[in-house]
PDB file of all heavy atoms in Angstrom:
ATOM      1  N   ALA A   1      90.275 125.595  73.968  1.00  0.00           N
ATOM      2  CA  ALA A   1      90.359 124.390  74.858  1.00  0.00           C
ATOM      3  C   ALA A   1      89.514 123.238  74.287  1.00  0.00           C
ATOM      4  O   ALA A   1      88.460 123.441  73.732  1.00  0.00           O
ATOM      5  CB  ALA A   1      89.995 124.660  76.287  1.00  0.00           C
ATOM      6  N   VAL A   2      90.036 122.035  74.466  1.00  0.00           N
ATOM      7  CA  VAL A   2      89.242 120.803  74.211  1.00  0.00           C
ATOM      8  C   VAL A   2      89.041 120.068  75.566  1.00  0.00           C
ATOM      9  O   VAL A   2      90.044 119.862  76.248  1.00  0.00           O
ATOM     10  CB  VAL A   2      89.959 119.875  73.172  1.00  0.00           C
ATOM     11  CG1 VAL A   2      89.201 118.548  73.032  1.00  0.00           C
ATOM     12  CG2 VAL A   2      90.137 120.566  71.805  1.00  0.00           C
ATOM     13  N   MET A   3      87.855 119.667  75.846  1.00  0.00           N
ATOM     14  CA  MET A   3      87.571 118.979  77.071  1.00  0.00           C
ATOM     15  C   MET A   3      86.910 117.619  76.851  1.00  0.00           C
ATOM     16  O   MET A   3      86.107 117.493  75.966  1.00  0.00           O
ATOM     17  CB  MET A   3      86.656 119.865  77.959  1.00  0.00           C
ATOM     18  CG  MET A   3      87.265 121.173  78.358  1.00  0.00           C
ATOM     19  SD  MET A   3      86.046 122.355  79.152  1.00  0.00           S
ATOM     20  CE  MET A   3      85.252 123.002  77.662  1.00  0.00           C
ATOM     21  N   THR A   4      87.264 116.658  77.675  1.00  0.00           N
ATOM     22  CA  THR A   4      86.659 115.366  77.560  1.00  0.00           C
ATOM     23  C   THR A   4      86.615 114.645  78.954  1.00  0.00           C
ATOM     24  O   THR A   4      87.386 115.000  79.838  1.00  0.00           O
ATOM     25  CB  THR A   4      87.428 114.461  76.559  1.00  0.00           C
ATOM     26  OG1 THR A   4      86.766 113.229  76.325  1.00  0.00           O
ATOM     27  CG2 THR A   4      88.824 114.130  77.113  1.00  0.00           C
ATOM     28  N   LEU A   5      85.687 113.751  79.074  1.00  0.00           N
ATOM     29  CA  LEU A   5      85.517 112.914  80.305  1.00  0.00           C
ATOM     30  C   LEU A   5      85.852 111.457  79.893  1.00  0.00           C
ATOM     31  O   LEU A   5      85.326 111.006  78.859  1.00  0.00           O
ATOM     32  CB  LEU A   5      84.125 113.027  80.867  1.00  0.00           C
ATOM     33  CG  LEU A   5      83.706 114.359  81.436  1.00  0.00           C
ATOM     34  CD1 LEU A   5      82.236 114.356  81.863  1.00  0.00           C
ATOM     35  CD2 LEU A   5      84.552 114.753  82.607  1.00  0.00           C
ATOM     36  N   LYS A   6      86.599 110.841  80.736  1.00  0.00           N
ATOM     37  CA  LYS A   6      86.974 109.442  80.510  1.00  0.00           C
ATOM     38  C   LYS A   6      86.719 108.595  81.736  1.00  0.00           C
ATOM     39  O   LYS A   6      86.891 109.154  82.878  1.00  0.00           O
ATOM     40  CB  LYS A   6      88.445 109.324  80.100  1.00  0.00           C
ATOM     41  CG  LYS A   6      88.816 110.029  78.785  1.00  0.00           C
ATOM     42  CD  LYS A   6      88.089 109.294  77.581  1.00  0.00           C
ATOM     43  CE  LYS A   6      88.437 110.033  76.241  1.00  0.00           C
ATOM     44  NZ  LYS A   6      87.757 109.380  75.101  1.00  0.00           N
ATOM     45  N   PRO A   7      86.339 107.303  81.588  1.00  0.00           N
ATOM     46  CA  PRO A   7      86.248 106.444  82.774  1.00  0.00           C
ATOM     47  C   PRO A   7      87.513 106.364  83.538  1.00  0.00           C
ATOM     48  O   PRO A   7      88.645 106.456  82.963  1.00  0.00           O
ATOM     49  CB  PRO A   7      85.870 105.125  82.151  1.00  0.00           C
ATOM     50  CG  PRO A   7      85.299 105.468  80.775  1.00  0.00           C
ATOM     51  CD  PRO A   7      86.060 106.608  80.352  1.00  0.00           C
ATOM     52  N   TYR A   8      87.444 106.228  84.845  1.00  0.00           N
ATOM     53  CA  TYR A   8      88.558 106.318  85.765  1.00  0.00           C
ATOM     54  C   TYR A   8      89.641 105.257  85.371  1.00  0.00           C
ATOM     55  O   TYR A   8      90.794 105.565  85.266  1.00  0.00           O
ATOM     56  CB  TYR A   8      88.057 106.073  87.179  1.00  0.00           C
ATOM     57  CG  TYR A   8      89.137 106.117  88.233  1.00  0.00           C
ATOM     58  CD1 TYR A   8      89.605 107.291  88.748  1.00  0.00           C
ATOM     59  CD2 TYR A   8      89.579 104.891  88.871  1.00  0.00           C
ATOM     60  CE1 TYR A   8      90.553 107.313  89.759  1.00  0.00           C
ATOM     61  CE2 TYR A   8      90.549 104.900  89.837  1.00  0.00           C
ATOM     62  CZ  TYR A   8      91.001 106.160  90.329  1.00  0.00           C
ATOM     63  OH  TYR A   8      91.936 106.135  91.314  1.00  0.00           O
ATOM     64  N   ALA A   9      89.170 103.977  85.143  1.00  0.00           N
ATOM     65  CA  ALA A   9      90.126 102.966  84.777  1.00  0.00           C
ATOM     66  C   ALA A   9      90.851 103.218  83.518  1.00  0.00           C
ATOM     67  O   ALA A   9      92.045 102.930  83.385  1.00  0.00           O
ATOM     68  CB  ALA A   9      89.390 101.592  84.701  1.00  0.00           C
ATOM     69  N   GLU A  10      90.158 103.766  82.559  1.00  0.00           N
ATOM     70  CA  GLU A  10      90.768 104.038  81.231  1.00  0.00           C
ATOM     71  C   GLU A  10      91.844 105.168  81.425  1.00  0.00           C
ATOM     72  O   GLU A  10      92.934 105.071  80.774  1.00  0.00           O
ATOM     73  CB  GLU A  10      89.772 104.476  80.265  1.00  0.00           C
ATOM     74  CG  GLU A  10      90.213 104.783  78.833  1.00  0.00           C
ATOM     75  CD  GLU A  10      89.146 105.219  77.846  1.00  0.00           C
ATOM     76  OE1 GLU A  10      87.979 104.958  78.140  1.00  0.00           O
ATOM     77  OE2 GLU A  10      89.475 105.865  76.856  1.00  0.00           O
ATOM     78  N   ALA A  11      91.520 106.178  82.204  1.00  0.00           N
ATOM     79  CA  ALA A  11      92.453 107.245  82.394  1.00  0.00           C
ATOM     80  C   ALA A  11      93.679 106.780  83.134  1.00  0.00           C
ATOM     81  O   ALA A  11      94.819 107.108  82.787  1.00  0.00           O
ATOM     82  CB  ALA A  11      91.779 108.392  83.168  1.00  0.00           C
ATOM     83  N   GLN A  12      93.497 105.947  84.164  1.00  0.00           N
ATOM     84  CA  GLN A  12      94.642 105.384  84.955  1.00  0.00           C
ATOM     85  C   GLN A  12      95.544 104.552  84.023  1.00  0.00           C
ATOM     86  O   GLN A  12      96.779 104.655  84.055  1.00  0.00           O
ATOM     87  CB  GLN A  12      94.127 104.515  86.019  1.00  0.00           C
ATOM     88  CG  GLN A  12      93.961 105.188  87.348  1.00  0.00           C
ATOM     89  CD  GLN A  12      93.943 104.222  88.534  1.00  0.00           C
ATOM     90  OE1 GLN A  12      93.696 103.066  88.438  1.00  0.00           O
ATOM     91  NE2 GLN A  12      94.312 104.787  89.674  1.00  0.00           N
ATOM     92  N   ALA A  13      94.918 103.739  83.136  1.00  0.00           N
ATOM     93  CA  ALA A  13      95.683 102.875  82.240  1.00  0.00           C
ATOM     94  C   ALA A  13      96.539 103.711  81.310  1.00  0.00           C
ATOM     95  O   ALA A  13      97.594 103.317  80.846  1.00  0.00           O
ATOM     96  CB  ALA A  13      94.780 101.929  81.536  1.00  0.00           C
ATOM     97  N   SER A  14      96.066 104.885  80.965  1.00  0.00           N
ATOM     98  CA  SER A  14      96.718 105.719  79.947  1.00  0.00           C
ATOM     99  C   SER A  14      97.820 106.567  80.552  1.00  0.00           C
ATOM    100  O   SER A  14      98.984 106.601  80.142  1.00  0.00           O
ATOM    101  CB  SER A  14      95.715 106.546  79.201  1.00  0.00           C
ATOM    102  OG  SER A  14      96.378 107.326  78.177  1.00  0.00           O
ATOM    103  N   ILE A  15      97.475 107.358  81.609  1.00  0.00           N
ATOM    104  CA  ILE A  15      98.397 108.351  82.153  1.00  0.00           C
ATOM    105  C   ILE A  15      99.142 107.854  83.357  1.00  0.00           C
ATOM    106  O   ILE A  15     100.148 108.412  83.793  1.00  0.00           O
ATOM    107  CB  ILE A  15      97.642 109.706  82.403  1.00  0.00           C
ATOM    108  CG1 ILE A  15      98.720 110.867  82.349  1.00  0.00           C
ATOM    109  CG2 ILE A  15      96.964 109.670  83.736  1.00  0.00           C
ATOM    110  CD1 ILE A  15      98.096 112.197  82.353  1.00  0.00           C
ATOM    111  N   GLY A  16      98.628 106.803  84.008  1.00  0.00           N
ATOM    112  CA  GLY A  16      99.294 106.232  85.190  1.00  0.00           C
ATOM    113  C   GLY A  16      98.513 106.316  86.522  1.00  0.00           C
ATOM    114  O   GLY A  16      97.711 107.183  86.634  1.00  0.00           O
ATOM    115  N   LYS A  17      98.777 105.368  87.382  1.00  0.00           N
ATOM    116  CA  LYS A  17      97.998 105.357  88.674  1.00  0.00           C
ATOM    117  C   LYS A  17      98.488 106.415  89.582  1.00  0.00           C
ATOM    118  O   LYS A  17      97.796 106.780  90.550  1.00  0.00           O
ATOM    119  CB  LYS A  17      98.128 103.964  89.275  1.00  0.00           C
ATOM    120  CG  LYS A  17      97.448 102.865  88.451  1.00  0.00           C
ATOM    121  CD  LYS A  17      97.534 101.490  89.175  1.00  0.00           C
ATOM    122  CE  LYS A  17      96.865 100.468  88.390  1.00  0.00           C
ATOM    123  NZ  LYS A  17      96.885  99.136  89.033  1.00  0.00           N
ATOM    124  N   GLY A  18      99.671 106.960  89.455  1.00  0.00           N
ATOM    125  CA  GLY A  18     100.180 107.978  90.297  1.00  0.00           C
ATOM    126  C   GLY A  18      99.401 109.330  90.112  1.00  0.00           C
ATOM    127  O   GLY A  18      98.755 109.821  91.079  1.00  0.00           O
ATOM    128  N   PRO A  19      99.361 109.832  88.932  1.00  0.00           N
ATOM    129  CA  PRO A  19      98.626 111.098  88.664  1.00  0.00           C
ATOM    130  C   PRO A  19      97.074 110.948  88.758  1.00  0.00           C
ATOM    131  O   PRO A  19      96.428 111.917  89.073  1.00  0.00           O
ATOM    132  CB  PRO A  19      99.033 111.511  87.246  1.00  0.00           C
ATOM    133  CG  PRO A  19     100.327 110.798  87.016  1.00  0.00           C
ATOM    134  CD  PRO A  19     100.192 109.474  87.753  1.00  0.00           C
ATOM    135  N   VAL A  20      96.543 109.776  88.497  1.00  0.00           N
ATOM    136  CA  VAL A  20      95.066 109.593  88.615  1.00  0.00           C
ATOM    137  C   VAL A  20      94.875 108.614  89.722  1.00  0.00           C
ATOM    138  O   VAL A  20      94.985 107.423  89.572  1.00  0.00           O
ATOM    139  CB  VAL A  20      94.567 108.992  87.218  1.00  0.00           C
ATOM    140  CG1 VAL A  20      93.004 108.764  87.394  1.00  0.00           C
ATOM    141  CG2 VAL A  20      94.849 109.892  86.105  1.00  0.00           C
ATOM    142  N   ASN A  21      94.475 109.187  90.843  1.00  0.00           N
ATOM    143  CA  ASN A  21      94.357 108.398  92.099  1.00  0.00           C
ATOM    144  C   ASN A  21      93.302 109.031  92.962  1.00  0.00           C
ATOM    145  O   ASN A  21      93.546 110.042  93.587  1.00  0.00           O
ATOM    146  CB  ASN A  21      95.694 108.289  92.781  1.00  0.00           C
ATOM    147  CG  ASN A  21      95.645 107.353  94.044  1.00  0.00           C
ATOM    148  OD1 ASN A  21      94.627 106.847  94.384  1.00  0.00           O
ATOM    149  ND2 ASN A  21      96.778 107.224  94.676  1.00  0.00           N
ATOM    150  N   ILE A  22      92.131 108.384  93.161  1.00  0.00           N
ATOM    151  CA  ILE A  22      91.059 108.953  93.952  1.00  0.00           C
ATOM    152  C   ILE A  22      91.512 108.977  95.430  1.00  0.00           C
ATOM    153  O   ILE A  22      90.980 109.779  96.246  1.00  0.00           O
ATOM    154  CB  ILE A  22      89.754 108.120  93.788  1.00  0.00           C
ATOM    155  CG1 ILE A  22      88.611 108.796  94.577  1.00  0.00           C
ATOM    156  CG2 ILE A  22      89.945 106.707  94.245  1.00  0.00           C
ATOM    157  CD1 ILE A  22      88.285 110.189  94.087  1.00  0.00           C
ATOM    158  N   GLU A  23      92.366 108.060  95.884  1.00  0.00           N
ATOM    159  CA  GLU A  23      92.844 108.019  97.241  1.00  0.00           C
ATOM    160  C   GLU A  23      93.811 109.236  97.506  1.00  0.00           C
ATOM    161  O   GLU A  23      94.023 109.583  98.690  1.00  0.00           O
ATOM    162  CB  GLU A  23      93.581 106.809  97.563  1.00  0.00           C
ATOM    163  CG  GLU A  23      92.709 105.528  97.348  1.00  0.00           C
ATOM    164  CD  GLU A  23      91.445 105.514  98.225  1.00  0.00           C
ATOM    165  OE1 GLU A  23      91.539 106.064  99.348  1.00  0.00           O
ATOM    166  OE2 GLU A  23      90.420 105.052  97.737  1.00  0.00           O
ATOM    167  N   ASP A  24      94.418 109.795  96.483  1.00  0.00           N
ATOM    168  CA  ASP A  24      95.300 110.989  96.618  1.00  0.00           C
ATOM    169  C   ASP A  24      94.898 111.960  95.519  1.00  0.00           C
ATOM    170  O   ASP A  24      95.676 112.293  94.660  1.00  0.00           O
ATOM    171  CB  ASP A  24      96.772 110.505  96.477  1.00  0.00           C
ATOM    172  CG  ASP A  24      97.745 111.725  96.720  1.00  0.00           C
ATOM    173  OD1 ASP A  24      97.400 112.592  97.512  1.00  0.00           O
ATOM    174  OD2 ASP A  24      98.788 111.694  96.054  1.00  0.00           O
ATOM    175  N   ALA A  25      93.648 112.373  95.654  1.00  0.00           N
ATOM    176  CA  ALA A  25      93.023 113.199  94.503  1.00  0.00           C
ATOM    177  C   ALA A  25      93.728 114.568  94.412  1.00  0.00           C
ATOM    178  O   ALA A  25      93.583 115.381  95.311  1.00  0.00           O
ATOM    179  CB  ALA A  25      91.540 113.340  94.732  1.00  0.00           C
ATOM    180  N   ARG A  26      94.343 114.803  93.280  1.00  0.00           N
ATOM    181  CA  ARG A  26      94.994 116.078  93.019  1.00  0.00           C
ATOM    182  C   ARG A  26      94.709 116.498  91.603  1.00  0.00           C
ATOM    183  O   ARG A  26      94.524 115.618  90.708  1.00  0.00           O
ATOM    184  CB  ARG A  26      96.501 116.030  93.277  1.00  0.00           C
ATOM    185  CG  ARG A  26      96.831 115.630  94.712  1.00  0.00           C
ATOM    186  CD  ARG A  26      98.411 115.504  94.850  1.00  0.00           C
ATOM    187  NE  ARG A  26      98.745 114.963  96.105  1.00  0.00           N
ATOM    188  CZ  ARG A  26      98.886 115.731  97.271  1.00  0.00           C
ATOM    189  NH1 ARG A  26      98.739 117.045  97.150  1.00  0.00           N
ATOM    190  NH2 ARG A  26      99.221 115.145  98.403  1.00  0.00           N
ATOM    191  N   GLU A  27      94.645 117.778  91.399  1.00  0.00           N
ATOM    192  CA  GLU A  27      94.529 118.368  90.047  1.00  0.00           C
ATOM    193  C   GLU A  27      95.982 118.562  89.532  1.00  0.00           C
ATOM    194  O   GLU A  27      96.783 119.106  90.188  1.00  0.00           O
ATOM    195  CB  GLU A  27      93.704 119.616  90.084  1.00  0.00           C
ATOM    196  CG  GLU A  27      93.403 120.229  88.667  1.00  0.00           C
ATOM    197  CD  GLU A  27      92.431 121.322  88.791  1.00  0.00           C
ATOM    198  OE1 GLU A  27      92.839 122.453  89.075  1.00  0.00           O
ATOM    199  OE2 GLU A  27      91.241 121.129  88.566  1.00  0.00           O
ATOM    200  N   TYR A  28      96.179 118.072  88.266  1.00  0.00           N
ATOM    201  CA  TYR A  28      97.463 118.261  87.675  1.00  0.00           C
ATOM    202  C   TYR A  28      97.366 119.261  86.516  1.00  0.00           C
ATOM    203  O   TYR A  28      96.456 119.145  85.700  1.00  0.00           O
ATOM    204  CB  TYR A  28      98.006 116.924  87.114  1.00  0.00           C
ATOM    205  CG  TYR A  28      98.690 115.992  88.175  1.00  0.00           C
ATOM    206  CD1 TYR A  28      97.840 115.315  89.091  1.00  0.00           C
ATOM    207  CD2 TYR A  28      99.979 115.863  88.221  1.00  0.00           C
ATOM    208  CE1 TYR A  28      98.433 114.526  90.071  1.00  0.00           C
ATOM    209  CE2 TYR A  28     100.593 115.015  89.149  1.00  0.00           C
ATOM    210  CZ  TYR A  28      99.807 114.373  90.050  1.00  0.00           C
ATOM    211  OH  TYR A  28     100.402 113.577  91.015  1.00  0.00           O
ATOM    212  N   MET A  29      98.264 120.207  86.500  1.00  0.00           N
ATOM    213  CA  MET A  29      98.394 121.188  85.436  1.00  0.00           C
ATOM    214  C   MET A  29      99.780 121.107  84.852  1.00  0.00           C
ATOM    215  O   MET A  29     100.733 121.374  85.481  1.00  0.00           O
ATOM    216  CB  MET A  29      98.080 122.582  85.965  1.00  0.00           C
ATOM    217  CG  MET A  29      96.688 122.802  86.533  1.00  0.00           C
ATOM    218  SD  MET A  29      96.334 124.466  86.944  1.00  0.00           S
ATOM    219  CE  MET A  29      94.682 124.295  87.634  1.00  0.00           C
ATOM    220  N   TRP A  30      99.899 120.706  83.561  1.00  0.00           N
ATOM    221  CA  TRP A  30     101.145 120.555  82.836  1.00  0.00           C
ATOM    222  C   TRP A  30     101.362 121.696  81.869  1.00  0.00           C
ATOM    223  O   TRP A  30     100.513 121.998  81.050  1.00  0.00           O
ATOM    224  CB  TRP A  30     101.138 119.237  82.062  1.00  0.00           C
ATOM    225  CG  TRP A  30     100.971 118.036  82.920  1.00  0.00           C
ATOM    226  CD1 TRP A  30      99.785 117.460  83.375  1.00  0.00           C
ATOM    227  CD2 TRP A  30     101.981 117.197  83.484  1.00  0.00           C
ATOM    228  NE1 TRP A  30     100.035 116.321  84.082  1.00  0.00           N
ATOM    229  CE2 TRP A  30     101.365 116.129  84.203  1.00  0.00           C
ATOM    230  CE3 TRP A  30     103.412 117.195  83.357  1.00  0.00           C
ATOM    231  CZ2 TRP A  30     102.122 115.126  84.812  1.00  0.00           C
ATOM    232  CZ3 TRP A  30     104.106 116.218  84.000  1.00  0.00           C
ATOM    233  CH2 TRP A  30     103.471 115.234  84.698  1.00  0.00           C
ATOM    234  N   ILE A  31     102.493 122.321  81.965  1.00  0.00           N
ATOM    235  CA  ILE A  31     102.878 123.507  81.187  1.00  0.00           C
ATOM    236  C   ILE A  31     103.870 123.088  80.114  1.00  0.00           C
ATOM    237  O   ILE A  31     104.905 122.460  80.429  1.00  0.00           O
ATOM    238  CB  ILE A  31     103.494 124.610  82.041  1.00  0.00           C
ATOM    239  CG1 ILE A  31     102.470 125.059  83.096  1.00  0.00           C
ATOM    240  CG2 ILE A  31     103.909 125.793  81.172  1.00  0.00           C
ATOM    241  CD1 ILE A  31     103.011 125.979  84.154  1.00  0.00           C
ATOM    242  N   GLY A  32     103.568 123.424  78.841  1.00  0.00           N
ATOM    243  CA  GLY A  32     104.453 123.134  77.736  1.00  0.00           C
ATOM    244  C   GLY A  32     104.680 124.335  76.830  1.00  0.00           C
ATOM    245  O   GLY A  32     104.194 125.412  77.156  1.00  0.00           O
ATOM    246  N   ASP A  33     105.381 124.129  75.725  1.00  0.00           N
ATOM    247  CA  ASP A  33     105.654 125.211  74.830  1.00  0.00           C
ATOM    248  C   ASP A  33     104.510 125.430  73.914  1.00  0.00           C
ATOM    249  O   ASP A  33     104.287 124.788  72.880  1.00  0.00           O
ATOM    250  CB  ASP A  33     106.925 124.826  73.997  1.00  0.00           C
ATOM    251  CG  ASP A  33     107.370 125.930  73.067  1.00  0.00           C
ATOM    252  OD1 ASP A  33     106.805 127.057  73.186  1.00  0.00           O
ATOM    253  OD2 ASP A  33     108.258 125.709  72.231  1.00  0.00           O
ATOM    254  N   GLY A  34     103.648 126.331  74.257  1.00  0.00           N
ATOM    255  CA  GLY A  34     102.404 126.651  73.505  1.00  0.00           C
ATOM    256  C   GLY A  34     101.248 125.681  73.705  1.00  0.00           C
ATOM    257  O   GLY A  34     100.301 125.768  72.975  1.00  0.00           O
ATOM    258  N   ALA A  35     101.435 124.795  74.713  1.00  0.00           N
ATOM    259  CA  ALA A  35     100.355 123.824  74.944  1.00  0.00           C
ATOM    260  C   ALA A  35     100.166 123.597  76.447  1.00  0.00           C
ATOM    261  O   ALA A  35     101.185 123.777  77.213  1.00  0.00           O
ATOM    262  CB  ALA A  35     100.586 122.558  74.194  1.00  0.00           C
ATOM    263  N   TYR A  36      99.066 123.101  76.867  1.00  0.00           N
ATOM    264  CA  TYR A  36      98.689 122.919  78.281  1.00  0.00           C
ATOM    265  C   TYR A  36      97.834 121.655  78.407  1.00  0.00           C
ATOM    266  O   TYR A  36      97.089 121.270  77.498  1.00  0.00           O
ATOM    267  CB  TYR A  36      97.936 124.159  78.701  1.00  0.00           C
ATOM    268  CG  TYR A  36      97.213 124.030  80.011  1.00  0.00           C
ATOM    269  CD1 TYR A  36      97.829 124.244  81.243  1.00  0.00           C
ATOM    270  CD2 TYR A  36      95.823 123.721  79.999  1.00  0.00           C
ATOM    271  CE1 TYR A  36      97.082 124.183  82.436  1.00  0.00           C
ATOM    272  CE2 TYR A  36      95.123 123.678  81.192  1.00  0.00           C
ATOM    273  CZ  TYR A  36      95.758 123.880  82.400  1.00  0.00           C
ATOM    274  OH  TYR A  36      95.106 123.804  83.648  1.00  0.00           O
ATOM    275  N   LEU A  37      98.017 120.961  79.491  1.00  0.00           N
ATOM    276  CA  LEU A  37      97.201 119.782  79.822  1.00  0.00           C
ATOM    277  C   LEU A  37      96.794 119.846  81.323  1.00  0.00           C
ATOM    278  O   LEU A  37      97.651 120.096  82.148  1.00  0.00           O
ATOM    279  CB  LEU A  37      97.974 118.472  79.525  1.00  0.00           C
ATOM    280  CG  LEU A  37      97.390 117.163  80.072  1.00  0.00           C
ATOM    281  CD1 LEU A  37      96.091 116.857  79.332  1.00  0.00           C
ATOM    282  CD2 LEU A  37      98.387 116.029  79.942  1.00  0.00           C
ATOM    283  N   MET A  38      95.510 119.594  81.527  1.00  0.00           N
ATOM    284  CA  MET A  38      95.030 119.511  82.932  1.00  0.00           C
ATOM    285  C   MET A  38      94.179 118.281  83.086  1.00  0.00           C
ATOM    286  O   MET A  38      93.435 117.914  82.171  1.00  0.00           O
ATOM    287  CB  MET A  38      94.204 120.787  83.261  1.00  0.00           C
ATOM    288  CG  MET A  38      93.701 120.840  84.700  1.00  0.00           C
ATOM    289  SD  MET A  38      92.139 120.015  85.008  1.00  0.00           S
ATOM    290  CE  MET A  38      90.995 121.153  84.258  1.00  0.00           C
ATOM    291  N   HIS A  39      94.241 117.613  84.251  1.00  0.00           N
ATOM    292  CA  HIS A  39      93.313 116.481  84.513  1.00  0.00           C
ATOM    293  C   HIS A  39      92.998 116.452  85.980  1.00  0.00           C
ATOM    294  O   HIS A  39      93.805 116.761  86.870  1.00  0.00           O
ATOM    295  CB  HIS A  39      93.922 115.139  84.013  1.00  0.00           C
ATOM    296  CG  HIS A  39      95.267 114.795  84.515  1.00  0.00           C
ATOM    297  ND1 HIS A  39      95.455 114.148  85.746  1.00  0.00           N
ATOM    298  CD2 HIS A  39      96.521 115.051  83.960  1.00  0.00           C
ATOM    299  CE1 HIS A  39      96.756 113.947  85.933  1.00  0.00           C
ATOM    300  NE2 HIS A  39      97.403 114.456  84.934  1.00  0.00           N
ATOM    301  N   ASN A  40      91.782 116.020  86.307  1.00  0.00           N
ATOM    302  CA  ASN A  40      91.389 115.829  87.713  1.00  0.00           C
ATOM    303  C   ASN A  40      90.226 114.778  87.727  1.00  0.00           C
ATOM    304  O   ASN A  40      89.616 114.383  86.714  1.00  0.00           O
ATOM    305  CB  ASN A  40      90.877 117.153  88.295  1.00  0.00           C
ATOM    306  CG  ASN A  40      89.853 117.916  87.387  1.00  0.00           C
ATOM    307  OD1 ASN A  40      89.038 117.278  86.711  1.00  0.00           O
ATOM    308  ND2 ASN A  40      89.929 119.202  87.386  1.00  0.00           N
ATOM    309  N   VAL A  41      90.065 114.267  88.964  1.00  0.00           N
ATOM    310  CA  VAL A  41      89.037 113.184  89.175  1.00  0.00           C
ATOM    311  C   VAL A  41      87.673 113.765  89.490  1.00  0.00           C
ATOM    312  O   VAL A  41      87.657 114.709  90.361  1.00  0.00           O
ATOM    313  CB  VAL A  41      89.570 112.264  90.292  1.00  0.00           C
ATOM    314  CG1 VAL A  41      88.573 111.123  90.531  1.00  0.00           C
ATOM    315  CG2 VAL A  41      90.945 111.708  89.987  1.00  0.00           C
ATOM    316  N   LEU A  42      86.646 113.213  88.955  1.00  0.00           N
ATOM    317  CA  LEU A  42      85.273 113.670  89.209  1.00  0.00           C
ATOM    318  C   LEU A  42      84.381 112.546  89.742  1.00  0.00           C
ATOM    319  O   LEU A  42      84.779 111.363  89.737  1.00  0.00           O
ATOM    320  CB  LEU A  42      84.692 114.202  87.949  1.00  0.00           C
ATOM    321  CG  LEU A  42      85.330 115.367  87.228  1.00  0.00           C
ATOM    322  CD1 LEU A  42      84.525 115.773  86.035  1.00  0.00           C
ATOM    323  CD2 LEU A  42      85.448 116.593  88.151  1.00  0.00           C
ATOM    324  N   ASN A  43      83.169 112.912  90.103  1.00  0.00           N
ATOM    325  CA  ASN A  43      82.134 112.000  90.536  1.00  0.00           C
ATOM    326  C   ASN A  43      82.607 110.857  91.453  1.00  0.00           C
ATOM    327  O   ASN A  43      82.378 109.660  91.174  1.00  0.00           O
ATOM    328  CB  ASN A  43      81.539 111.385  89.205  1.00  0.00           C
ATOM    329  CG  ASN A  43      80.653 112.319  88.495  1.00  0.00           C
ATOM    330  OD1 ASN A  43      80.938 113.485  88.400  1.00  0.00           O
ATOM    331  ND2 ASN A  43      79.583 111.866  87.848  1.00  0.00           N
ATOM    332  N   GLN A  44      83.249 111.261  92.473  1.00  0.00           N
ATOM    333  CA  GLN A  44      83.803 110.332  93.504  1.00  0.00           C
ATOM    334  C   GLN A  44      84.611 109.195  92.900  1.00  0.00           C
ATOM    335  O   GLN A  44      84.563 108.080  93.386  1.00  0.00           O
ATOM    336  CB  GLN A  44      82.560 109.790  94.305  1.00  0.00           C
ATOM    337  CG  GLN A  44      81.757 110.901  95.009  1.00  0.00           C
ATOM    338  CD  GLN A  44      80.528 110.362  95.684  1.00  0.00           C
ATOM    339  OE1 GLN A  44      79.864 109.470  95.175  1.00  0.00           O
ATOM    340  NE2 GLN A  44      80.154 111.011  96.756  1.00  0.00           N
ATOM    341  N   GLY A  45      85.389 109.547  91.886  1.00  0.00           N
ATOM    342  CA  GLY A  45      86.298 108.614  91.328  1.00  0.00           C
ATOM    343  C   GLY A  45      85.815 107.788  90.150  1.00  0.00           C
ATOM    344  O   GLY A  45      86.494 106.895  89.693  1.00  0.00           O
ATOM    345  N   GLN A  46      84.652 108.136  89.596  1.00  0.00           N
ATOM    346  CA  GLN A  46      84.122 107.382  88.480  1.00  0.00           C
ATOM    347  C   GLN A  46      84.670 107.951  87.188  1.00  0.00           C
ATOM    348  O   GLN A  46      84.823 107.156  86.233  1.00  0.00           O
ATOM    349  CB  GLN A  46      82.580 107.470  88.460  1.00  0.00           C
ATOM    350  CG  GLN A  46      81.930 106.819  89.702  1.00  0.00           C
ATOM    351  CD  GLN A  46      80.408 107.004  89.608  1.00  0.00           C
ATOM    352  OE1 GLN A  46      79.781 106.738  88.606  1.00  0.00           O
ATOM    353  NE2 GLN A  46      79.839 107.450  90.786  1.00  0.00           N
TER     354      GLN A  46
END
């Protein structure tokens, strides 16, 4: 696994405001062919 932390605004601009939303905070787990992606919001939305 590779892990990284990104600022909230930068993450929203890249993946979209729907999946990255502190007002509707959800963890997303994406399943692919031999690959996986997960993202979630930390530090009260920072």
